[in-house]
């Protein structure tokens, strides 16, 4: 498994500057452009929105999300 594209952080890096959906442990969801992340999967999104129960709660702009609260990150 030496292929660079097979490593999780490389897959996440391919999503940089693209819109992603992030599901959190508390049931909330953030949709926005992935700007940055670190080895702990702490992430920064811009142009983001907070969703809960399939309803838009608010537009939050730039947001920092702690990696230990994330369940899933997916391309939009």
Protein backbone atom coordinates (compact mmCIF):
# COMPACT_ATOMS: atom_id res chain seq x y z
CA UNK A 1 0.00 0.00 0.00
CA UNK A 2 2.62 2.49 -1.01
CA UNK A 3 0.36 4.31 -3.47
CA UNK A 4 0.03 7.95 -2.34
CA UNK A 5 -3.66 8.10 -3.26
CA UNK A 6 -4.44 5.19 -0.91
CA UNK A 7 -3.63 7.13 2.26
CA UNK A 8 -6.54 8.85 4.04
CA UNK A 9 -4.89 12.26 4.34
CA UNK A 10 -4.04 12.19 0.63
CA UNK A 11 -7.69 11.50 -0.20
CA UNK A 12 -8.67 14.43 2.00
CA UNK A 13 -6.04 16.61 0.34
CA UNK A 14 -7.69 15.92 -3.04
CA UNK A 15 -10.86 17.52 -1.62
CA UNK A 16 -9.05 20.74 -0.68
CA UNK A 17 -10.65 23.85 -2.22
CA UNK A 18 -13.75 21.81 -3.08
CA UNK A 19 -17.13 21.70 -1.34
CA UNK A 20 -17.50 18.93 1.23
CA UNK A 21 -20.13 17.69 3.63
CA UNK A 22 -18.98 17.08 7.21
CA UNK A 23 -21.22 15.10 9.57
CA UNK A 24 -20.62 15.60 13.30
CA UNK A 25 -21.27 13.34 16.29
CA UNK A 26 -23.95 15.76 17.57
CA UNK A 27 -26.06 15.27 14.42
CA UNK A 28 -25.15 18.59 12.85
CA UNK A 29 -23.78 18.84 9.36
CA UNK A 30 -21.56 21.48 7.78
CA UNK A 31 -21.32 22.06 4.06
CA UNK A 32 -18.59 24.32 2.71
CA UNK A 33 -15.28 24.65 0.91
CA UNK A 34 -12.47 22.71 2.58
CA UNK A 35 -9.56 25.10 3.03
CA UNK A 36 -7.29 23.36 5.53
CA UNK A 37 -6.91 20.32 7.79
CA UNK A 38 -4.23 18.79 9.99
CA UNK A 39 -3.21 15.30 11.09
CA UNK A 40 -5.97 15.35 13.73
CA UNK A 41 -8.52 16.11 10.97
CA UNK A 42 -9.23 19.51 12.54
CA UNK A 43 -10.72 21.28 9.53
CA UNK A 44 -11.38 24.80 8.30
CA UNK A 45 -14.27 25.46 5.91
CA UNK A 46 -15.23 28.71 4.20
CA UNK A 47 -18.54 29.67 2.62
CA UNK A 48 -20.08 27.15 4.99
CA UNK A 49 -23.59 26.41 6.20
CA UNK A 50 -24.77 24.59 9.31
CA UNK A 51 -27.53 22.03 8.78
CA UNK A 52 -29.51 19.98 11.28
CA UNK A 53 -32.38 17.57 10.61
CA UNK A 54 -32.05 18.31 6.86
CA UNK A 55 -32.78 22.00 7.48
CA UNK A 56 -30.45 24.95 6.97
CA UNK A 57 -29.88 26.49 10.40
CA UNK A 58 -27.52 29.29 9.41
CA UNK A 59 -24.78 30.43 7.09
CA UNK A 60 -21.62 30.56 9.16
CA UNK A 61 -18.94 31.61 6.66
CA UNK A 62 -15.56 30.44 7.94
CA UNK A 63 -15.68 27.71 10.57
CA UNK A 64 -13.10 25.60 12.44
CA UNK A 65 -14.23 22.06 13.27
CA UNK A 66 -12.38 19.88 15.77
CA UNK A 67 -11.40 16.56 14.27
CA UNK A 68 -12.62 14.51 17.23
CA UNK A 69 -16.20 15.68 16.59
CA UNK A 70 -16.25 14.51 12.95
CA UNK A 71 -17.94 11.29 11.89
CA UNK A 72 -17.71 11.66 8.10
CA UNK A 73 -16.27 13.92 5.41
CA UNK A 74 -17.60 13.53 1.89
CA UNK A 75 -17.44 15.47 -1.38
CA UNK A 76 -20.71 17.34 -1.94
